Amino acid sequence: MAAVEISKNSKAGVVQILGSPSSLSPFDGNVWYYLSEKTKTIAFFEPEVTERKVIIIRFDQRGIVTAVKSFGLEEARQIEMVER
């Protein structure tokens, strides 16, 4: 994520650095979300989330990065990931 720089990277540049986004904002195509999660499973117990990272990248109308925010497991509410 450190390689994504505000006012320097375009959408194409972000795709080269991070790959395709996990999700796009349904209301604003200029907001991209990157989601990752690691779990640990012991025997027959429910999997435990050990790491979660959400990166939100906002672009202006020209497609240039205007903001990058990162959230970890500590800042997140408990959500269920959809497995497909």
PDB file of N, CA and C in Angstrom:
ATOM      1  N   MET A   1       0.822  -1.194   0.000  1.00  0.00           N
ATOM      2  CA  MET A   1       0.000   0.000   0.000  1.00  0.00           C
ATOM      3  C   MET A   1       0.867   1.260   0.000  1.00  0.00           C
ATOM      4  N   ALA A   2       2.052   1.183   0.547  1.00  0.00           N
ATOM      5  CA  ALA A   2       2.912   2.360   0.618  1.00  0.00           C
ATOM      6  C   ALA A   2       3.269   2.881  -0.765  1.00  0.00           C
ATOM      7  N   ALA A   3       3.201   2.004  -1.770  1.00  0.00           N
ATOM      8  CA  ALA A   3       3.558   2.416  -3.126  1.00  0.00           C
ATOM      9  C   ALA A   3       2.465   3.245  -3.791  1.00  0.00           C
ATOM     10  N   VAL A   4       1.241   3.213  -3.256  1.00  0.00           N
ATOM     11  CA  VAL A   4       0.145   4.014  -3.805  1.00  0.00           C
ATOM     12  C   VAL A   4       0.249   5.411  -3.209  1.00  0.00           C
ATOM     13  N   GLU A   5       0.485   6.398  -4.067  1.00  0.00           N
ATOM     14  CA  GLU A   5       0.706   7.757  -3.597  1.00  0.00           C
ATOM     15  C   GLU A   5      -0.407   8.699  -4.047  1.00  0.00           C
ATOM     16  N   ILE A   6      -0.837   9.553  -3.119  1.00  0.00           N
ATOM     17  CA  ILE A   6      -1.869  10.548  -3.409  1.00  0.00           C
ATOM     18  C   ILE A   6      -1.331  11.534  -4.437  1.00  0.00           C
ATOM     19  N   SER A   7      -2.161  11.880  -5.387  1.00  0.00           N
ATOM     20  CA  SER A   7      -1.876  12.833  -6.471  1.00  0.00           C
ATOM     21  C   SER A   7      -0.863  12.326  -7.497  1.00  0.00           C
ATOM     22  N   LYS A   8      -0.360  11.115  -7.335  1.00  0.00           N
ATOM     23  CA  LYS A   8       0.639  10.604  -8.279  1.00  0.00           C
ATOM     24  C   LYS A   8       0.161   9.389  -9.054  1.00  0.00           C
ATOM     25  N   ASN A   9      -0.631   8.520  -8.413  1.00  0.00           N
ATOM     26  CA  ASN A   9      -1.068   7.296  -9.067  1.00  0.00           C
ATOM     27  C   ASN A   9      -2.441   7.443  -9.697  1.00  0.00           C
ATOM     28  N   SER A  10      -2.622   6.794 -10.844  1.00  0.00           N
ATOM     29  CA  SER A  10      -3.918   6.752 -11.519  1.00  0.00           C
ATOM     30  C   SER A  10      -4.571   5.402 -11.222  1.00  0.00           C
ATOM     31  N   LYS A  11      -5.781   5.213 -11.722  1.00  0.00           N
ATOM     32  CA  LYS A  11      -6.461   3.932 -11.545  1.00  0.00           C
ATOM     33  C   LYS A  11      -5.633   2.798 -12.148  1.00  0.00           C
ATOM     34  N   ALA A  12      -5.082   3.026 -13.331  1.00  0.00           N
ATOM     35  CA  ALA A  12      -4.266   1.999 -13.986  1.00  0.00           C
ATOM     36  C   ALA A  12      -3.029   1.678 -13.150  1.00  0.00           C
ATOM     37  N   GLY A  13      -2.426   2.696 -12.553  1.00  0.00           N
ATOM     38  CA  GLY A  13      -1.255   2.492 -11.707  1.00  0.00           C
ATOM     39  C   GLY A  13      -1.582   1.697 -10.459  1.00  0.00           C
ATOM     40  N   VAL A  14      -2.738   1.969  -9.859  1.00  0.00           N
ATOM     41  CA  VAL A  14      -3.163   1.237  -8.671  1.00  0.00           C
ATOM     42  C   VAL A  14      -3.405  -0.232  -9.024  1.00  0.00           C
ATOM     43  N   VAL A  15      -4.010  -0.489 -10.173  1.00  0.00           N
ATOM     44  CA  VAL A  15      -4.239  -1.876 -10.603  1.00  0.00           C
ATOM     45  C   VAL A  15      -2.904  -2.590 -10.788  1.00  0.00           C
ATOM     46  N   GLN A  16      -1.893  -1.903 -11.315  1.00  0.00           N
ATOM     47  CA  GLN A  16      -0.574  -2.515 -11.470  1.00  0.00           C
ATOM     48  C   GLN A  16       0.058  -2.840 -10.118  1.00  0.00           C
ATOM     49  N   ILE A  17      -0.172  -1.988  -9.125  1.00  0.00           N
ATOM     50  CA  ILE A  17       0.436  -2.170  -7.805  1.00  0.00           C
ATOM     51  C   ILE A  17      -0.319  -3.196  -6.968  1.00  0.00           C
ATOM     52  N   LEU A  18      -1.653  -3.048  -6.883  1.00  0.00           N
ATOM     53  CA  LEU A  18      -2.456  -3.869  -5.974  1.00  0.00           C
ATOM     54  C   LEU A  18      -3.331  -4.907  -6.675  1.00  0.00           C
ATOM     55  N   GLY A  19      -3.448  -4.814  -7.973  1.00  0.00           N
ATOM     56  CA  GLY A  19      -4.365  -5.704  -8.682  1.00  0.00           C
ATOM     57  C   GLY A  19      -5.752  -5.096  -8.737  1.00  0.00           C
ATOM     58  N   SER A  20      -6.698  -5.863  -9.245  1.00  0.00           N
ATOM     59  CA  SER A  20      -8.079  -5.386  -9.337  1.00  0.00           C
ATOM     60  C   SER A  20      -8.675  -5.239  -7.944  1.00  0.00           C
ATOM     61  N   PRO A  21      -9.549  -4.246  -7.755  1.00  0.00           N
ATOM     62  CA  PRO A  21     -10.150  -4.068  -6.429  1.00  0.00           C
ATOM     63  C   PRO A  21     -11.092  -5.212  -6.083  1.00  0.00           C
ATOM     64  N   SER A  22     -11.250  -5.470  -4.797  1.00  0.00           N
ATOM     65  CA  SER A  22     -12.195  -6.493  -4.331  1.00  0.00           C
ATOM     66  C   SER A  22     -13.618  -6.047  -4.578  1.00  0.00           C
ATOM     67  N   SER A  23     -13.840  -4.739  -4.475  1.00  0.00           N
ATOM     68  CA  SER A  23     -15.184  -4.191  -4.615  1.00  0.00           C
ATOM     69  C   SER A  23     -15.104  -2.724  -5.016  1.00  0.00           C
ATOM     70  N   LEU A  24     -16.143  -2.249  -5.670  1.00  0.00           N
ATOM     71  CA  LEU A  24     -16.292  -0.834  -5.995  1.00  0.00           C
ATOM     72  C   LEU A  24     -17.489  -0.304  -5.228  1.00  0.00           C
ATOM     73  N   SER A  25     -17.446   0.966  -4.886  1.00  0.00           N
ATOM     74  CA  SER A  25     -18.595   1.573  -4.225  1.00  0.00           C
ATOM     75  C   SER A  25     -19.785   1.543  -5.177  1.00  0.00           C
ATOM     76  N   PRO A  26     -20.949   1.083  -4.708  1.00  0.00           N
ATOM     77  CA  PRO A  26     -22.116   1.043  -5.592  1.00  0.00           C
ATOM     78  C   PRO A  26     -22.630   2.436  -5.960  1.00  0.00           C
ATOM     79  N   PHE A  27     -22.251   3.453  -5.197  1.00  0.00           N
ATOM     80  CA  PHE A  27     -22.749   4.806  -5.436  1.00  0.00           C
ATOM     81  C   PHE A  27     -21.731   5.711  -6.103  1.00  0.00           C
ATOM     82  N   ASP A  28     -20.454   5.300  -6.084  1.00  0.00           N
ATOM     83  CA  ASP A  28     -19.394   6.144  -6.631  1.00  0.00           C
ATOM     84  C   ASP A  28     -18.278   5.249  -7.166  1.00  0.00           C
ATOM     85  N   GLY A  29     -18.160   5.140  -8.479  1.00  0.00           N
ATOM     86  CA  GLY A  29     -17.148   4.296  -9.095  1.00  0.00           C
ATOM     87  C   GLY A  29     -15.728   4.760  -8.852  1.00  0.00           C
ATOM     88  N   ASN A  30     -15.578   5.907  -8.205  1.00  0.00           N
ATOM     89  CA  ASN A  30     -14.246   6.435  -7.902  1.00  0.00           C
ATOM     90  C   ASN A  30     -13.771   6.060  -6.499  1.00  0.00           C
ATOM     91  N   VAL A  31     -14.451   5.102  -5.868  1.00  0.00           N
ATOM     92  CA  VAL A  31     -14.033   4.592  -4.560  1.00  0.00           C
ATOM     93  C   VAL A  31     -13.840   3.087  -4.706  1.00  0.00           C
ATOM     94  N   TRP A  32     -12.603   2.637  -4.466  1.00  0.00           N
ATOM     95  CA  TRP A  32     -12.257   1.225  -4.595  1.00  0.00           C
ATOM     96  C   TRP A  32     -11.934   0.654  -3.220  1.00  0.00           C
ATOM     97  N   TYR A  33     -12.306  -0.614  -3.026  1.00  0.00           N
ATOM     98  CA  TYR A  33     -12.039  -1.323  -1.775  1.00  0.00           C
ATOM     99  C   TYR A  33     -11.176  -2.555  -2.049  1.00  0.00           C
ATOM    100  N   TYR A  34     -10.160  -2.731  -1.238  1.00  0.00           N
ATOM    101  CA  TYR A  34      -9.335  -3.934  -1.262  1.00  0.00           C
ATOM    102  C   TYR A  34      -9.505  -4.613   0.090  1.00  0.00           C
ATOM    103  N   LEU A  35      -9.934  -5.874   0.092  1.00  0.00           N
ATOM    104  CA  LEU A  35     -10.229  -6.599   1.321  1.00  0.00           C
ATOM    105  C   LEU A  35      -9.386  -7.870   1.395  1.00  0.00           C
ATOM    106  N   SER A  36      -8.837  -8.139   2.564  1.00  0.00           N
ATOM    107  CA  SER A  36      -8.146  -9.405   2.774  1.00  0.00           C
ATOM    108  C   SER A  36      -8.394  -9.865   4.200  1.00  0.00           C
ATOM    109  N   GLU A  37      -8.351 -11.190   4.385  1.00  0.00           N
ATOM    110  CA  GLU A  37      -8.616 -11.753   5.693  1.00  0.00           C
ATOM    111  C   GLU A  37      -7.857 -13.067   5.830  1.00  0.00           C
ATOM    112  N   LYS A  38      -7.240 -13.270   6.982  1.00  0.00           N
ATOM    113  CA  LYS A  38      -6.582 -14.539   7.298  1.00  0.00           C
ATOM    114  C   LYS A  38      -7.305 -15.158   8.480  1.00  0.00           C
ATOM    115  N   THR A  39      -7.495 -16.477   8.396  1.00  0.00           N
ATOM    116  CA  THR A  39      -8.165 -17.187   9.486  1.00  0.00           C
ATOM    117  C   THR A  39      -7.299 -18.348   9.953  1.00  0.00           C
ATOM    118  N   LYS A  40      -7.617 -18.821  11.152  1.00  0.00           N
ATOM    119  CA  LYS A  40      -6.946 -19.977  11.723  1.00  0.00           C
ATOM    120  C   LYS A  40      -8.029 -20.929  12.210  1.00  0.00           C
ATOM    121  N   THR A  41      -7.884 -22.194  11.863  1.00  0.00           N
ATOM    122  CA  THR A  41      -8.854 -23.201  12.291  1.00  0.00           C
ATOM    123  C   THR A  41      -8.131 -24.272  13.098  1.00  0.00           C
ATOM    124  N   ILE A  42      -8.683 -24.576  14.263  1.00  0.00           N
ATOM    125  CA  ILE A  42      -8.140 -25.625  15.111  1.00  0.00           C
ATOM    126  C   ILE A  42      -9.199 -26.715  15.244  1.00  0.00           C
ATOM    127  N   ALA A  43      -8.834 -27.910  14.825  1.00  0.00           N
ATOM    128  CA  ALA A  43      -9.704 -29.093  14.897  1.00  0.00           C
ATOM    129  C   ALA A  43     -11.076 -28.790  14.307  1.00  0.00           C
ATOM    130  N   PHE A  44     -12.123 -28.983  15.081  1.00  0.00           N
ATOM    131  CA  PHE A  44     -13.489 -28.819  14.592  1.00  0.00           C
ATOM    132  C   PHE A  44     -14.121 -27.496  15.016  1.00  0.00           C
ATOM    133  N   PHE A  45     -13.343 -26.609  15.606  1.00  0.00           N
ATOM    134  CA  PHE A  45     -13.873 -25.317  16.044  1.00  0.00           C
ATOM    135  C   PHE A  45     -14.091 -24.385  14.855  1.00  0.00           C
ATOM    136  N   GLU A  46     -14.899 -23.360  15.077  1.00  0.00           N
ATOM    137  CA  GLU A  46     -15.140 -22.340  14.053  1.00  0.00           C
ATOM    138  C   GLU A  46     -13.835 -21.634  13.718  1.00  0.00           C
ATOM    139  N   PRO A  47     -13.640 -21.278  12.460  1.00  0.00           N
ATOM    140  CA  PRO A  47     -12.423 -20.524  12.110  1.00  0.00           C
ATOM    141  C   PRO A  47     -12.357 -19.197  12.870  1.00  0.00           C
ATOM    142  N   GLU A  48     -11.167 -18.813  13.284  1.00  0.00           N
ATOM    143  CA  GLU A  48     -10.957 -17.552  13.997  1.00  0.00           C
ATOM    144  C   GLU A  48     -10.208 -16.599  13.066  1.00  0.00           C
ATOM    145  N   VAL A  49     -10.735 -15.384  12.928  1.00  0.00           N
ATOM    146  CA  VAL A  49     -10.079 -14.378  12.101  1.00  0.00           C
ATOM    147  C   VAL A  49      -8.859 -13.870  12.853  1.00  0.00           C
ATOM    148  N   THR A  50      -7.685 -14.017  12.232  1.00  0.00           N
ATOM    149  CA  THR A  50      -6.450 -13.562  12.878  1.00  0.00           C
ATOM    150  C   THR A  50      -5.954 -12.242  12.307  1.00  0.00           C
ATOM    151  N   GLU A  51      -6.360 -11.936  11.079  1.00  0.00           N
ATOM    152  CA  GLU A  51      -5.923 -10.686  10.451  1.00  0.00           C
ATOM    153  C   GLU A  51      -6.962 -10.262   9.410  1.00  0.00           C
ATOM    154  N   ARG A  52      -7.304  -9.001   9.430  1.00  0.00           N
ATOM    155  CA  ARG A  52      -8.213  -8.444   8.423  1.00  0.00           C
ATOM    156  C   ARG A  52      -7.692  -7.074   8.032  1.00  0.00           C
ATOM    157  N   LYS A  53      -7.688  -6.797   6.734  1.00  0.00           N
ATOM    158  CA  LYS A  53      -7.220  -5.505   6.253  1.00  0.00           C
ATOM    159  C   LYS A  53      -8.187  -4.996   5.188  1.00  0.00           C
ATOM    160  N   VAL A  54      -8.589  -3.759   5.337  1.00  0.00           N
ATOM    161  CA  VAL A  54      -9.441  -3.084   4.367  1.00  0.00           C
ATOM    162  C   VAL A  54      -8.717  -1.814   3.937  1.00  0.00           C
ATOM    163  N   ILE A  55      -8.513  -1.677   2.633  1.00  0.00           N
ATOM    164  CA  ILE A  55      -7.890  -0.474   2.084  1.00  0.00           C
ATOM    165  C   ILE A  55      -8.925   0.213   1.201  1.00  0.00           C
ATOM    166  N   ILE A  56      -9.151   1.489   1.452  1.00  0.00           N
ATOM    167  CA  ILE A  56     -10.096   2.280   0.661  1.00  0.00           C
ATOM    168  C   ILE A  56      -9.297   3.328  -0.104  1.00  0.00           C
ATOM    169  N   ILE A  57      -9.475   3.332  -1.418  1.00  0.00           N
ATOM    170  CA  ILE A  57      -8.770   4.299  -2.268  1.00  0.00           C
ATOM    171  C   ILE A  57      -9.807   5.129  -3.014  1.00  0.00           C
ATOM    172  N   ARG A  58      -9.686   6.447  -2.889  1.00  0.00           N
ATOM    173  CA  ARG A  58     -10.588   7.380  -3.575  1.00  0.00           C
ATOM    174  C   ARG A  58      -9.851   8.063  -4.718  1.00  0.00           C
ATOM    175  N   PHE A  59     -10.576   8.272  -5.817  1.00  0.00           N
ATOM    176  CA  PHE A  59     -10.023   8.922  -6.998  1.00  0.00           C
ATOM    177  C   PHE A  59     -10.838  10.169  -7.327  1.00  0.00           C
ATOM    178  N   ASP A  60     -10.206  11.129  -7.978  1.00  0.00           N
ATOM    179  CA  ASP A  60     -10.947  12.292  -8.465  1.00  0.00           C
ATOM    180  C   ASP A  60     -11.564  11.954  -9.822  1.00  0.00           C
ATOM    181  N   GLN A  61     -12.195  12.938 -10.455  1.00  0.00           N
ATOM    182  CA  GLN A  61     -12.872  12.714 -11.733  1.00  0.00           C
ATOM    183  C   GLN A  61     -11.903  12.349 -12.858  1.00  0.00           C
ATOM    184  N   ARG A  62     -10.630  12.685 -12.696  1.00  0.00           N
ATOM    185  CA  ARG A  62      -9.619  12.339 -13.704  1.00  0.00           C
ATOM    186  C   ARG A  62      -9.026  10.957 -13.481  1.00  0.00           C
ATOM    187  N   GLY A  63      -9.402  10.311 -12.363  1.00  0.00           N
ATOM    188  CA  GLY A  63      -8.879   8.983 -12.061  1.00  0.00           C
ATOM    189  C   GLY A  63      -7.560   8.989 -11.316  1.00  0.00           C
ATOM    190  N   ILE A  64      -7.250  10.095 -10.628  1.00  0.00           N
ATOM    191  CA  ILE A  64      -6.018  10.225  -9.844  1.00  0.00           C
ATOM    192  C   ILE A  64      -6.350  10.028  -8.361  1.00  0.00           C
ATOM    193  N   VAL A  65      -5.487   9.323  -7.642  1.00  0.00           N
ATOM    194  CA  VAL A  65      -5.711   9.026  -6.221  1.00  0.00           C
ATOM    195  C   VAL A  65      -5.784  10.320  -5.410  1.00  0.00           C
ATOM    196  N   THR A  66      -6.849  10.458  -4.604  1.00  0.00           N
ATOM    197  CA  THR A  66      -6.993  11.613  -3.720  1.00  0.00           C
ATOM    198  C   THR A  66      -6.904  11.232  -2.243  1.00  0.00           C
ATOM    199  N   ALA A  67      -7.143   9.956  -1.920  1.00  0.00           N
ATOM    200  CA  ALA A  67      -7.083   9.519  -0.519  1.00  0.00           C
ATOM    201  C   ALA A  67      -6.868   8.011  -0.448  1.00  0.00           C
ATOM    202  N   VAL A  68      -6.100   7.601   0.557  1.00  0.00           N
ATOM    203  CA  VAL A  68      -5.862   6.182   0.829  1.00  0.00           C
ATOM    204  C   VAL A  68      -6.042   5.985   2.330  1.00  0.00           C
ATOM    205  N   LYS A  69      -6.950   5.074   2.696  1.00  0.00           N
ATOM    206  CA  LYS A  69      -7.173   4.766   4.112  1.00  0.00           C
ATOM    207  C   LYS A  69      -7.048   3.263   4.297  1.00  0.00           C
ATOM    208  N   SER A  70      -6.488   2.874   5.440  1.00  0.00           N
ATOM    209  CA  SER A  70      -6.309   1.463   5.743  1.00  0.00           C
ATOM    210  C   SER A  70      -6.872   1.182   7.126  1.00  0.00           C
ATOM    211  N   PHE A  71      -7.604   0.086   7.235  1.00  0.00           N
ATOM    212  CA  PHE A  71      -8.192  -0.329   8.501  1.00  0.00           C
ATOM    213  C   PHE A  71      -7.806  -1.766   8.774  1.00  0.00           C
ATOM    214  N   GLY A  72      -7.487  -2.068  10.020  1.00  0.00           N
ATOM    215  CA  GLY A  72      -7.134  -3.420  10.420  1.00  0.00           C
ATOM    216  C   GLY A  72      -8.250  -4.053  11.226  1.00  0.00           C
ATOM    217  N   LEU A  73      -7.977  -5.205  11.755  1.00  0.00           N
ATOM    218  CA  LEU A  73      -8.952  -5.947  12.548  1.00  0.00           C
ATOM    219  C   LEU A  73      -9.395  -5.157  13.775  1.00  0.00           C
ATOM    220  N   GLU A  74      -8.486  -4.372  14.341  1.00  0.00           N
ATOM    221  CA  GLU A  74      -8.797  -3.605  15.551  1.00  0.00           C
ATOM    222  C   GLU A  74      -9.885  -2.556  15.299  1.00  0.00           C
ATOM    223  N   GLU A  75      -9.889  -1.940  14.123  1.00  0.00           N
ATOM    224  CA  GLU A  75     -10.849  -0.877  13.821  1.00  0.00           C
ATOM    225  C   GLU A  75     -12.158  -1.402  13.232  1.00  0.00           C
ATOM    226  N   ALA A  76     -12.164  -2.656  12.845  1.00  0.00           N
ATOM    227  CA  ALA A  76     -13.325  -3.192  12.119  1.00  0.00           C
ATOM    228  C   ALA A  76     -14.400  -3.721  13.050  1.00  0.00           C
ATOM    229  N   ARG A  77     -15.617  -3.588  12.586  1.00  0.00           N
ATOM    230  CA  ARG A  77     -16.714  -4.269  13.249  1.00  0.00           C
ATOM    231  C   ARG A  77     -16.697  -5.710  12.772  1.00  0.00           C
ATOM    232  N   GLN A  78     -17.272  -6.594  13.550  1.00  0.00           N
ATOM    233  CA  GLN A  78     -17.312  -7.996  13.156  1.00  0.00           C
ATOM    234  C   GLN A  78     -18.250  -8.140  11.960  1.00  0.00           C
ATOM    235  N   ILE A  79     -17.727  -8.560  10.834  1.00  0.00           N
ATOM    236  CA  ILE A  79     -18.527  -8.763   9.633  1.00  0.00           C
ATOM    237  C   ILE A  79     -18.282 -10.179   9.147  1.00  0.00           C
ATOM    238  N   GLU A  80     -19.220 -10.691   8.379  1.00  0.00           N
ATOM    239  CA  GLU A  80     -19.038 -11.997   7.781  1.00  0.00           C
ATOM    240  C   GLU A  80     -18.687 -11.826   6.331  1.00  0.00           C
ATOM    241  N   MET A  81     -17.582 -12.458   5.928  1.00  0.00           N
ATOM    242  CA  MET A  81     -17.166 -12.423   4.543  1.00  0.00           C
ATOM    243  C   MET A  81     -18.030 -13.399   3.744  1.00  0.00           C
ATOM    244  N   VAL A  82     -18.382 -13.030   2.532  1.00  0.00           N
ATOM    245  CA  VAL A  82     -19.144 -13.908   1.652  1.00  0.00           C
ATOM    246  C   VAL A  82     -18.153 -14.748   0.879  1.00  0.00           C
ATOM    247  N   GLU A  83     -18.306 -16.063   0.986  1.00  0.00           N
ATOM    248  CA  GLU A  83     -17.392 -16.956   0.273  1.00  0.00           C
ATOM    249  C   GLU A  83     -18.050 -17.399  -1.020  1.00  0.00           C
ATOM    250  N   ARG A  84     -17.319 -17.263  -2.128  1.00  0.00           N
ATOM    251  CA  ARG A  84     -17.848 -17.690  -3.431  1.00  0.00           C
ATOM    252  C   ARG A  84     -16.834 -18.535  -4.127  1.00  0.00           C
TER     253      ARG A  84
END
